[in-house]
Amino acid sequence: MSAARTLRVPGRHGYAAEFSPYLPGRLACAAAQHYGIAGCGTLLILDQSETGLTVFRSFDWNDGLFDVTWSENNEHVVVTCSGDGSLQLWDTAKAAGPLQVYKEHAQEWDPAVGKSLCTFSGHESVIYSTIWSPHIPGCFASASGDQTLRIWDMKAAGVRIVIPAHQAEILSCDWCKYNENLLVTGAVDCSLRGWDLRNVRQPVFELLGHSYAIRRVKFSPFHASVLASCSYDFTVRFWNFSKPDPLLETVEHHTEFTCGLDFSLQSPSQVADCSWDETIKIYDPACLTVIPA
């Protein structure tokens, strides 16, 4: 693995990292004080240089920030979510407070409307992760502490499929970029499972190796059968679920829970992660530099 570019952020514990879909090398990171139990949160916008990572912008919020995503129609706009139940819309081009704050908790909303478009009910416990389908307009998946993966449809305003995916809380899910029927879940039982929506009675793959709960899982945007996972076991693992021996690489460069993880959309081998050890890292795992794009 190439040497990681690292930024240490004293007093801030990383929860989520996401590369900009527009600007090569730009990364957003959501972080919280005191491991997210108390205190404030910080949104960090980072740029890469030859020597490391630099802070382009930093925004504070009065509660921990636990996730972040970039707008897909404005290169400067990001959305964060907070422990106070609100969403914050930020303009990273300006060193100012949020453009808007949404205090109504909802699954989906339009910034121009100012309130949620639809509310989806059905889960019986905390919802940890949601992801839009990259293939089917108006369709998204959610993973929950109720041990289910659910597929929802905006048009029907309800659930389409309920999958009892694990016998443990599910903390993360992602949709394959190359197969509209394939999703992956990561759970407290330390396993990753792949699900084909055409037949959900059994997983199409199961990946074992983590020793504590899997906090986040992401499919590669460049390789159809490659994915990455990060865990409370402090590691990031790279997998190719099409191979008999699917574990490609284990990265052990954190000393605390590793919560944030993302693949670059511009560089096929570049990955970012963040951890409770107060560091954010961008690196090129050896396993991704040898896979043909």
C-alpha atoms as a PDB file:
ATOM      1  CA  MET A   1       0.000   0.000   0.000  1.00  0.00           C
ATOM      2  CA  SER A   2       1.211   3.513  -0.778  1.00  0.00           C
ATOM      3  CA  ALA A   3       1.935   5.779   2.173  1.00  0.00           C
ATOM      4  CA  ALA A   4      -1.316   7.300   3.403  1.00  0.00           C
ATOM      5  CA  ARG A   5      -1.857  11.031   3.359  1.00  0.00           C
ATOM      6  CA  THR A   6      -2.975  11.727   6.904  1.00  0.00           C
ATOM      7  CA  LEU A   7      -4.597  14.631   8.708  1.00  0.00           C
ATOM      8  CA  ARG A   8      -4.862  14.594  12.475  1.00  0.00           C
ATOM      9  CA  VAL A   9      -7.811  16.536  13.909  1.00  0.00           C
ATOM     10  CA  PRO A  10      -7.303  16.792  17.688  1.00  0.00           C
ATOM     11  CA  GLY A  11     -10.491  16.388  19.706  1.00  0.00           C
ATOM     12  CA  ARG A  12     -12.575  15.274  16.718  1.00  0.00           C
ATOM     13  CA  HIS A  13     -13.560  11.658  16.140  1.00  0.00           C
ATOM     14  CA  GLY A  14     -14.329  10.769  12.527  1.00  0.00           C
ATOM     15  CA  TYR A  15     -17.684   9.277  11.596  1.00  0.00           C
ATOM     16  CA  ALA A  16     -18.014   9.642   7.808  1.00  0.00           C
ATOM     17  CA  ALA A  17     -15.896  10.543   4.788  1.00  0.00           C
ATOM     18  CA  GLU A  18     -17.035  11.141   1.217  1.00  0.00           C
ATOM     19  CA  PHE A  19     -15.119  12.175  -1.887  1.00  0.00           C
ATOM     20  CA  SER A  20     -16.496  14.997  -4.010  1.00  0.00           C
ATOM     21  CA  PRO A  21     -18.057  13.732  -7.242  1.00  0.00           C
ATOM     22  CA  TYR A  22     -16.817  16.924  -8.921  1.00  0.00           C
ATOM     23  CA  LEU A  23     -13.410  18.009  -7.643  1.00  0.00           C
ATOM     24  CA  PRO A  24     -10.587  15.436  -7.745  1.00  0.00           C
ATOM     25  CA  GLY A  25      -9.086  14.861  -4.336  1.00  0.00           C
ATOM     26  CA  ARG A  26     -11.604  16.917  -2.368  1.00  0.00           C
ATOM     27  CA  LEU A  27     -13.022  15.093   0.640  1.00  0.00           C
ATOM     28  CA  ALA A  28     -15.751  15.904   3.158  1.00  0.00           C
ATOM     29  CA  CYS A  29     -15.539  14.453   6.655  1.00  0.00           C
ATOM     30  CA  ALA A  30     -18.132  14.528   9.453  1.00  0.00           C
ATOM     31  CA  ALA A  31     -16.742  14.361  12.963  1.00  0.00           C
ATOM     32  CA  ALA A  32     -17.814  14.706  16.588  1.00  0.00           C
ATOM     33  CA  GLN A  33     -16.302  15.620  19.938  1.00  0.00           C
ATOM     34  CA  HIS A  34     -16.084  13.077  22.768  1.00  0.00           C
ATOM     35  CA  TYR A  35     -16.738  10.088  20.484  1.00  0.00           C
ATOM     36  CA  GLY A  36     -20.154  11.510  19.606  1.00  0.00           C
ATOM     37  CA  ILE A  37     -21.504  11.060  23.124  1.00  0.00           C
ATOM     38  CA  ALA A  38     -21.500  14.778  23.959  1.00  0.00           C
ATOM     39  CA  GLY A  39     -20.161  18.059  22.628  1.00  0.00           C
ATOM     40  CA  CYS A  40     -20.191  19.625  19.182  1.00  0.00           C
ATOM     41  CA  GLY A  41     -19.494  18.435  15.648  1.00  0.00           C
ATOM     42  CA  THR A  42     -17.285  19.575  12.798  1.00  0.00           C
ATOM     43  CA  LEU A  43     -17.589  19.330   9.027  1.00  0.00           C
ATOM     44  CA  LEU A  44     -14.133  19.292   7.425  1.00  0.00           C
ATOM     45  CA  ILE A  45     -13.549  19.929   3.718  1.00  0.00           C
ATOM     46  CA  LEU A  46     -10.097  18.651   2.748  1.00  0.00           C
ATOM     47  CA  ASP A  47      -7.870  18.926  -0.301  1.00  0.00           C
ATOM     48  CA  GLN A  48      -4.938  16.721  -1.251  1.00  0.00           C
ATOM     49  CA  SER A  49      -1.436  17.928  -1.983  1.00  0.00           C
ATOM     50  CA  GLU A  50       1.778  16.057  -2.732  1.00  0.00           C
ATOM     51  CA  THR A  51       2.723  16.232   0.915  1.00  0.00           C
ATOM     52  CA  GLY A  52      -0.576  15.403   2.587  1.00  0.00           C
ATOM     53  CA  LEU A  53      -4.047  16.712   3.380  1.00  0.00           C
ATOM     54  CA  THR A  54      -4.967  20.335   3.991  1.00  0.00           C
ATOM     55  CA  VAL A  55      -8.140  21.847   5.436  1.00  0.00           C
ATOM     56  CA  PHE A  56      -9.961  23.936   2.812  1.00  0.00           C
ATOM     57  CA  ARG A  57     -12.915  24.739   5.091  1.00  0.00           C
ATOM     58  CA  SER A  58     -14.074  23.811   8.565  1.00  0.00           C
ATOM     59  CA  PHE A  59     -17.610  24.291   9.888  1.00  0.00           C
ATOM     60  CA  ASP A  60     -18.788  23.695  13.463  1.00  0.00           C
ATOM     61  CA  TRP A  61     -22.215  22.571  14.631  1.00  0.00           C
ATOM     62  CA  ASN A  62     -23.550  22.466  18.180  1.00  0.00           C
ATOM     63  CA  ASP A  63     -24.014  18.681  18.178  1.00  0.00           C
ATOM     64  CA  GLY A  64     -22.032  15.754  16.807  1.00  0.00           C
ATOM     65  CA  LEU A  65     -22.053  15.233  13.015  1.00  0.00           C
ATOM     66  CA  PHE A  66     -22.434  11.601  12.026  1.00  0.00           C
ATOM     67  CA  ASP A  67     -22.755  11.487   8.242  1.00  0.00           C
ATOM     68  CA  VAL A  68     -22.108  13.621   5.171  1.00  0.00           C
ATOM     69  CA  THR A  69     -22.904  13.549   1.467  1.00  0.00           C
ATOM     70  CA  TRP A  70     -22.278  15.843  -1.496  1.00  0.00           C
ATOM     71  CA  SER A  71     -25.030  17.330  -3.603  1.00  0.00           C
ATOM     72  CA  GLU A  72     -25.204  15.797  -7.056  1.00  0.00           C
ATOM     73  CA  ASN A  73     -26.241  19.056  -8.746  1.00  0.00           C
ATOM     74  CA  ASN A  74     -24.024  21.649  -7.038  1.00  0.00           C
ATOM     75  CA  GLU A  75     -20.296  21.068  -6.579  1.00  0.00           C
ATOM     76  CA  HIS A  76     -20.121  23.276  -3.466  1.00  0.00           C
ATOM     77  CA  VAL A  77     -23.052  21.901  -1.456  1.00  0.00           C
ATOM     78  CA  VAL A  78     -22.908  19.160   1.174  1.00  0.00           C
ATOM     79  CA  VAL A  79     -25.467  17.829   3.644  1.00  0.00           C
ATOM     80  CA  THR A  80     -24.645  16.601   7.142  1.00  0.00           C
ATOM     81  CA  CYS A  81     -26.761  14.935   9.811  1.00  0.00           C
ATOM     82  CA  SER A  82     -26.481  15.551  13.515  1.00  0.00           C
ATOM     83  CA  GLY A  83     -27.193  13.958  16.862  1.00  0.00           C
ATOM     84  CA  ASP A  84     -29.875  16.597  17.466  1.00  0.00           C
ATOM     85  CA  GLY A  85     -31.979  14.988  14.710  1.00  0.00           C
ATOM     86  CA  SER A  86     -31.434  17.772  12.181  1.00  0.00           C
ATOM     87  CA  LEU A  87     -29.928  17.971   8.701  1.00  0.00           C
ATOM     88  CA  GLN A  88     -27.616  20.833   7.723  1.00  0.00           C
ATOM     89  CA  LEU A  89     -27.104  22.118   4.175  1.00  0.00           C
ATOM     90  CA  TRP A  90     -23.683  23.798   3.754  1.00  0.00           C
ATOM     91  CA  ASP A  91     -22.148  25.911   0.969  1.00  0.00           C
ATOM     92  CA  THR A  92     -18.463  24.998   1.072  1.00  0.00           C
ATOM     93  CA  ALA A  93     -17.568  27.973  -1.140  1.00  0.00           C
ATOM     94  CA  LYS A  94     -18.371  30.316   1.756  1.00  0.00           C
ATOM     95  CA  ALA A  95     -16.962  30.381   5.268  1.00  0.00           C
ATOM     96  CA  ALA A  96     -20.374  30.795   6.879  1.00  0.00           C
ATOM     97  CA  GLY A  97     -22.979  28.811   8.765  1.00  0.00           C
ATOM     98  CA  PRO A  98     -25.378  26.387   7.096  1.00  0.00           C
ATOM     99  CA  LEU A  99     -27.593  27.564   4.248  1.00  0.00           C
ATOM    100  CA  GLN A 100     -30.514  25.729   5.806  1.00  0.00           C
ATOM    101  CA  VAL A 101     -31.291  23.479   8.738  1.00  0.00           C
ATOM    102  CA  TYR A 102     -34.011  20.840   8.498  1.00  0.00           C
ATOM    103  CA  LYS A 103     -35.404  19.889  11.882  1.00  0.00           C
ATOM    104  CA  GLU A 104     -38.071  17.519  10.593  1.00  0.00           C
ATOM    105  CA  HIS A 105     -36.597  14.036  10.506  1.00  0.00           C
ATOM    106  CA  ALA A 106     -37.453  12.436   7.171  1.00  0.00           C
ATOM    107  CA  GLN A 107     -36.021   9.941   4.735  1.00  0.00           C
ATOM    108  CA  GLU A 108     -36.133  12.201   1.692  1.00  0.00           C
ATOM    109  CA  TRP A 109     -36.514  15.892   1.059  1.00  0.00           C
ATOM    110  CA  ASP A 110     -35.984  18.576  -1.532  1.00  0.00           C
ATOM    111  CA  PRO A 111     -33.932  21.624  -0.440  1.00  0.00           C
ATOM    112  CA  ALA A 112     -36.170  23.868  -2.541  1.00  0.00           C
ATOM    113  CA  VAL A 113     -39.316  22.704  -0.730  1.00  0.00           C
ATOM    114  CA  GLY A 114     -38.045  23.114   2.818  1.00  0.00           C
ATOM    115  CA  LYS A 115     -39.955  20.138   4.194  1.00  0.00           C
ATOM    116  CA  SER A 116     -39.981  16.418   3.582  1.00  0.00           C
ATOM    117  CA  LEU A 117     -41.676  15.091   0.455  1.00  0.00           C
ATOM    118  CA  CYS A 118     -42.505  11.714   1.917  1.00  0.00           C
ATOM    119  CA  THR A 119     -42.170   9.820   5.191  1.00  0.00           C
ATOM    120  CA  PHE A 120     -41.615   6.065   5.165  1.00  0.00           C
ATOM    121  CA  SER A 121     -42.611   4.004   8.190  1.00  0.00           C
ATOM    122  CA  GLY A 122     -42.135   0.321   8.860  1.00  0.00           C
ATOM    123  CA  HIS A 123     -38.806  -0.333  10.532  1.00  0.00           C
ATOM    124  CA  GLU A 124     -39.118  -1.481  14.128  1.00  0.00           C
ATOM    125  CA  SER A 125     -35.821  -0.070  15.367  1.00  0.00           C
ATOM    126  CA  VAL A 126     -33.158   2.546  14.601  1.00  0.00           C
ATOM    127  CA  ILE A 127     -32.344   3.065  10.896  1.00  0.00           C
ATOM    128  CA  TYR A 128     -28.580   3.227  10.480  1.00  0.00           C
ATOM    129  CA  SER A 129     -28.097   3.485   6.728  1.00  0.00           C
ATOM    130  CA  THR A 130     -29.972   4.420   3.562  1.00  0.00           C
ATOM    131  CA  ILE A 131     -28.847   4.379  -0.062  1.00  0.00           C
ATOM    132  CA  TRP A 132     -30.537   5.435  -3.294  1.00  0.00           C
ATOM    133  CA  SER A 133     -30.517   2.882  -6.087  1.00  0.00           C
ATOM    134  CA  PRO A 134     -28.094   4.039  -8.790  1.00  0.00           C
ATOM    135  CA  HIS A 135     -30.274   2.215 -11.321  1.00  0.00           C
ATOM    136  CA  ILE A 136     -33.964   2.587 -10.405  1.00  0.00           C
ATOM    137  CA  PRO A 137     -35.357   6.144 -10.037  1.00  0.00           C
ATOM    138  CA  GLY A 138     -37.188   6.744  -6.755  1.00  0.00           C
ATOM    139  CA  CYS A 139     -36.019   3.481  -5.205  1.00  0.00           C
ATOM    140  CA  PHE A 140     -33.859   3.258  -2.074  1.00  0.00           C
ATOM    141  CA  ALA A 141     -32.717   0.743   0.523  1.00  0.00           C
ATOM    142  CA  SER A 142     -32.456   1.019   4.302  1.00  0.00           C
ATOM    143  CA  ALA A 143     -30.651  -1.018   6.957  1.00  0.00           C
ATOM    144  CA  SER A 144     -31.851  -1.153  10.541  1.00  0.00           C
ATOM    145  CA  GLY A 145     -31.346  -2.365  14.056  1.00  0.00           C
ATOM    146  CA  ASP A 146     -34.450  -4.487  13.477  1.00  0.00           C
ATOM    147  CA  GLN A 147     -32.142  -6.860  11.510  1.00  0.00           C
ATOM    148  CA  THR A 148     -33.811  -6.146   8.159  1.00  0.00           C
ATOM    149  CA  LEU A 149     -32.802  -4.645   4.828  1.00  0.00           C
ATOM    150  CA  ARG A 150     -35.790  -2.937   3.203  1.00  0.00           C
ATOM    151  CA  ILE A 151     -36.340  -1.725  -0.331  1.00  0.00           C
ATOM    152  CA  TRP A 152     -38.646   1.282  -0.717  1.00  0.00           C
ATOM    153  CA  ASP A 153     -40.371   2.942  -3.663  1.00  0.00           C
ATOM    154  CA  MET A 154     -41.147   6.666  -3.800  1.00  0.00           C
ATOM    155  CA  LYS A 155     -43.980   6.048  -6.265  1.00  0.00           C
ATOM    156  CA  ALA A 156     -45.718   3.579  -3.973  1.00  0.00           C
ATOM    157  CA  ALA A 157     -44.720   5.549  -0.848  1.00  0.00           C
ATOM    158  CA  GLY A 158     -44.117   2.226   0.856  1.00  0.00           C
ATOM    159  CA  VAL A 159     -41.923  -0.813   1.248  1.00  0.00           C
ATOM    160  CA  ARG A 160     -41.422  -3.184  -1.702  1.00  0.00           C
ATOM    161  CA  ILE A 161     -39.200  -5.868  -0.148  1.00  0.00           C
ATOM    162  CA  VAL A 162     -38.324  -6.785   3.441  1.00  0.00           C
ATOM    163  CA  ILE A 163     -35.228  -8.979   3.818  1.00  0.00           C
ATOM    164  CA  PRO A 164     -34.385 -10.512   7.233  1.00  0.00           C
ATOM    165  CA  ALA A 165     -30.731 -10.122   6.321  1.00  0.00           C
ATOM    166  CA  HIS A 166     -28.928 -10.869   9.626  1.00  0.00           C
ATOM    167  CA  GLN A 167     -29.686 -12.058  13.126  1.00  0.00           C
ATOM    168  CA  ALA A 168     -28.069  -8.869  14.419  1.00  0.00           C
ATOM    169  CA  GLU A 169     -28.299  -5.118  13.940  1.00  0.00           C
ATOM    170  CA  ILE A 170     -27.404  -4.001  10.408  1.00  0.00           C
ATOM    171  CA  LEU A 171     -25.274  -0.859  10.456  1.00  0.00           C
ATOM    172  CA  SER A 172     -24.626  -0.323   6.741  1.00  0.00           C
ATOM    173  CA  CYS A 173     -25.811  -1.166   3.242  1.00  0.00           C
ATOM    174  CA  ASP A 174     -24.790  -0.277  -0.295  1.00  0.00           C
ATOM    175  CA  TRP A 175     -26.067  -0.844  -3.807  1.00  0.00           C
ATOM    176  CA  CYS A 176     -23.804  -2.330  -6.484  1.00  0.00           C
ATOM    177  CA  LYS A 177     -23.007   0.187  -9.219  1.00  0.00           C
ATOM    178  CA  TYR A 178     -22.957  -2.553 -11.890  1.00  0.00           C
ATOM    179  CA  ASN A 179     -25.952  -4.735 -10.964  1.00  0.00           C
ATOM    180  CA  GLU A 180     -29.376  -3.247 -10.211  1.00  0.00           C
ATOM    181  CA  ASN A 181     -30.387  -6.343  -8.223  1.00  0.00           C
ATOM    182  CA  LEU A 182     -27.347  -6.623  -5.953  1.00  0.00           C
ATOM    183  CA  LEU A 183     -26.944  -5.040  -2.506  1.00  0.00           C
ATOM    184  CA  VAL A 184     -24.569  -5.696   0.381  1.00  0.00           C
ATOM    185  CA  THR A 185     -25.193  -5.433   4.126  1.00  0.00           C
ATOM    186  CA  GLY A 186     -22.724  -5.159   7.011  1.00  0.00           C
ATOM    187  CA  ALA A 187     -23.798  -6.052  10.539  1.00  0.00           C
ATOM    188  CA  VAL A 188     -22.928  -6.355  14.197  1.00  0.00           C
ATOM    189  CA  ASP A 189     -22.452 -10.123  13.633  1.00  0.00           C
ATOM    190  CA  CYS A 190     -19.158  -9.247  11.819  1.00  0.00           C
ATOM    191  CA  SER A 191     -20.433 -10.512   8.462  1.00  0.00           C
ATOM    192  CA  LEU A 192     -21.038  -8.949   5.067  1.00  0.00           C
ATOM    193  CA  ARG A 193     -23.839 -10.458   2.987  1.00  0.00           C
ATOM    194  CA  GLY A 194     -24.794  -9.936  -0.629  1.00  0.00           C
ATOM    195  CA  TRP A 195     -28.466  -9.939  -1.644  1.00  0.00           C
ATOM    196  CA  ASP A 196     -29.988 -10.523  -5.074  1.00  0.00           C
ATOM    197  CA  LEU A 197     -33.387  -8.834  -5.082  1.00  0.00           C
ATOM    198  CA  ARG A 198     -34.767 -11.476  -7.472  1.00  0.00           C
ATOM    199  CA  ASN A 199     -34.345 -14.147  -4.786  1.00  0.00           C
ATOM    200  CA  VAL A 200     -33.802 -12.958  -1.216  1.00  0.00           C
ATOM    201  CA  ARG A 201     -34.223 -16.261   0.625  1.00  0.00           C
ATOM    202  CA  GLN A 202     -30.447 -16.747   0.903  1.00  0.00           C
ATOM    203  CA  PRO A 203     -27.498 -14.377   0.501  1.00  0.00           C
ATOM    204  CA  VAL A 204     -25.560 -14.753  -2.757  1.00  0.00           C
ATOM    205  CA  PHE A 205     -22.317 -14.303  -0.833  1.00  0.00           C
ATOM    206  CA  GLU A 206     -21.124 -14.025   2.754  1.00  0.00           C
ATOM    207  CA  LEU A 207     -17.766 -12.459   3.650  1.00  0.00           C
ATOM    208  CA  LEU A 208     -16.229 -13.297   7.030  1.00  0.00           C
ATOM    209  CA  GLY A 209     -13.071 -11.948   8.628  1.00  0.00           C
ATOM    210  CA  HIS A 210     -13.890  -8.891  10.718  1.00  0.00           C
ATOM    211  CA  SER A 211     -13.763  -9.512  14.461  1.00  0.00           C
ATOM    212  CA  TYR A 212     -16.132  -6.728  15.564  1.00  0.00           C
ATOM    213  CA  ALA A 213     -19.176  -4.960  14.120  1.00  0.00           C
ATOM    214  CA  ILE A 214     -18.962  -3.702  10.538  1.00  0.00           C
ATOM    215  CA  ARG A 215     -19.640   0.028  10.576  1.00  0.00           C
ATOM    216  CA  ARG A 216     -19.698   0.808   6.847  1.00  0.00           C
ATOM    217  CA  VAL A 217     -19.571  -1.022   3.534  1.00  0.00           C
ATOM    218  CA  LYS A 218     -19.057   0.423   0.044  1.00  0.00           C
ATOM    219  CA  PHE A 219     -19.028  -1.115  -3.423  1.00  0.00           C
ATOM    220  CA  SER A 220     -16.226   0.011  -5.719  1.00  0.00           C
ATOM    221  CA  PRO A 221     -17.349   2.417  -8.460  1.00  0.00           C
ATOM    222  CA  PHE A 222     -14.719   0.911 -10.799  1.00  0.00           C
ATOM    223  CA  HIS A 223     -14.730  -2.858 -10.185  1.00  0.00           C
ATOM    224  CA  ALA A 224     -18.011  -4.788 -10.374  1.00  0.00           C
ATOM    225  CA  SER A 225     -17.171  -7.427  -7.743  1.00  0.00           C
ATOM    226  CA  VAL A 226     -14.951  -5.397  -5.383  1.00  0.00           C
ATOM    227  CA  LEU A 227     -16.110  -3.829  -2.125  1.00  0.00           C
ATOM    228  CA  ALA A 228     -14.597  -2.412   1.047  1.00  0.00           C
ATOM    229  CA  SER A 229     -15.682  -2.528   4.683  1.00  0.00           C
ATOM    230  CA  CYS A 230     -14.547  -0.821   7.865  1.00  0.00           C
ATOM    231  CA  SER A 231     -15.134  -2.015  11.378  1.00  0.00           C
ATOM    232  CA  TYR A 232     -14.935  -1.514  15.099  1.00  0.00           C
ATOM    233  CA  ASP A 233     -11.988  -3.948  14.892  1.00  0.00           C
ATOM    234  CA  PHE A 234      -9.960  -0.887  13.660  1.00  0.00           C
ATOM    235  CA  THR A 235      -9.422  -2.381  10.165  1.00  0.00           C
ATOM    236  CA  VAL A 236     -10.482  -1.648   6.606  1.00  0.00           C
ATOM    237  CA  ARG A 237     -10.844  -4.747   4.433  1.00  0.00           C
ATOM    238  CA  PHE A 238     -11.040  -5.075   0.664  1.00  0.00           C
ATOM    239  CA  TRP A 239     -12.903  -7.970  -0.919  1.00  0.00           C
ATOM    240  CA  ASN A 240     -13.632  -9.508  -4.301  1.00  0.00           C
ATOM    241  CA  PHE A 241     -16.786 -11.544  -3.758  1.00  0.00           C
ATOM    242  CA  SER A 242     -16.376 -13.361  -7.095  1.00  0.00           C
ATOM    243  CA  LYS A 243     -13.196 -15.125  -5.937  1.00  0.00           C
ATOM    244  CA  PRO A 244     -12.949 -18.361  -3.897  1.00  0.00           C
ATOM    245  CA  ASP A 245     -10.630 -16.530  -1.480  1.00  0.00           C
ATOM    246  CA  PRO A 246     -12.402 -13.166  -1.416  1.00  0.00           C
ATOM    247  CA  LEU A 247     -10.284 -11.171   1.071  1.00  0.00           C
ATOM    248  CA  LEU A 248      -7.890  -9.056  -0.995  1.00  0.00           C
ATOM    249  CA  GLU A 249      -6.256  -6.933   1.689  1.00  0.00           C
ATOM    250  CA  THR A 250      -6.560  -5.882   5.325  1.00  0.00           C
ATOM    251  CA  VAL A 251      -5.462  -2.342   6.172  1.00  0.00           C
ATOM    252  CA  GLU A 252      -4.520  -1.792   9.811  1.00  0.00           C
ATOM    253  CA  HIS A 253      -3.535   1.851  10.138  1.00  0.00           C
ATOM    254  CA  HIS A 254      -6.006   3.024  12.770  1.00  0.00           C
ATOM    255  CA  THR A 255      -5.923   2.596  16.541  1.00  0.00           C
ATOM    256  CA  GLU A 256      -9.636   3.100  17.200  1.00  0.00           C
ATOM    257  CA  PHE A 257     -13.063   2.338  15.673  1.00  0.00           C
ATOM    258  CA  THR A 258     -12.986   3.003  11.924  1.00  0.00           C
ATOM    259  CA  CYS A 259     -16.317   4.533  10.906  1.00  0.00           C
ATOM    260  CA  GLY A 260     -15.968   6.432   7.630  1.00  0.00           C
ATOM    261  CA  LEU A 261     -15.012   4.921   4.263  1.00  0.00           C
ATOM    262  CA  ASP A 262     -15.275   5.904   0.609  1.00  0.00           C
ATOM    263  CA  PHE A 263     -13.864   5.121  -2.829  1.00  0.00           C
ATOM    264  CA  SER A 264     -12.699   7.971  -5.028  1.00  0.00           C
ATOM    265  CA  LEU A 265     -14.903   8.513  -8.077  1.00  0.00           C
ATOM    266  CA  GLN A 266     -11.932   9.826 -10.096  1.00  0.00           C
ATOM    267  CA  SER A 267      -9.027   7.560  -9.159  1.00  0.00           C
ATOM    268  CA  PRO A 268      -9.675   3.801  -9.445  1.00  0.00           C
ATOM    269  CA  SER A 269      -7.259   2.885  -6.652  1.00  0.00           C
ATOM    270  CA  GLN A 270      -7.853   5.683  -4.137  1.00  0.00           C
ATOM    271  CA  VAL A 271      -9.728   5.270  -0.839  1.00  0.00           C
ATOM    272  CA  ALA A 272     -10.428   7.525   2.152  1.00  0.00           C
ATOM    273  CA  ASP A 273     -11.292   6.571   5.695  1.00  0.00           C
ATOM    274  CA  CYS A 274     -11.661   8.185   9.117  1.00  0.00           C
ATOM    275  CA  SER A 275     -11.566   6.894  12.652  1.00  0.00           C
ATOM    276  CA  TRP A 276     -12.184   7.683  16.277  1.00  0.00           C
ATOM    277  CA  ASP A 277      -8.366   7.976  16.581  1.00  0.00           C
ATOM    278  CA  GLU A 278      -8.711  11.584  15.309  1.00  0.00           C
ATOM    279  CA  THR A 279      -7.175  10.867  11.887  1.00  0.00           C
ATOM    280  CA  ILE A 280      -8.437  11.049   8.309  1.00  0.00           C
ATOM    281  CA  LYS A 281      -6.468   9.098   5.700  1.00  0.00           C
ATOM    282  CA  ILE A 282      -6.361   8.909   1.882  1.00  0.00           C
ATOM    283  CA  TYR A 283      -4.388   6.050   0.366  1.00  0.00           C
ATOM    284  CA  ASP A 284      -4.049   3.547  -2.490  1.00  0.00           C
ATOM    285  CA  PRO A 285      -4.425  -0.045  -1.264  1.00  0.00           C
ATOM    286  CA  ALA A 286      -2.047  -2.390  -3.064  1.00  0.00           C
ATOM    287  CA  CYS A 287      -4.915  -4.680  -4.082  1.00  0.00           C
ATOM    288  CA  LEU A 288      -6.629  -1.907  -6.067  1.00  0.00           C
ATOM    289  CA  THR A 289      -3.503  -0.881  -7.962  1.00  0.00           C
ATOM    290  CA  VAL A 290      -3.235  -4.326  -9.566  1.00  0.00           C
ATOM    291  CA  ILE A 291      -6.872  -4.857 -10.601  1.00  0.00           C
ATOM    292  CA  PRO A 292      -7.535  -3.903 -14.252  1.00  0.00           C
ATOM    293  CA  ALA A 293     -10.024  -1.031 -14.377  1.00  0.00           C
END
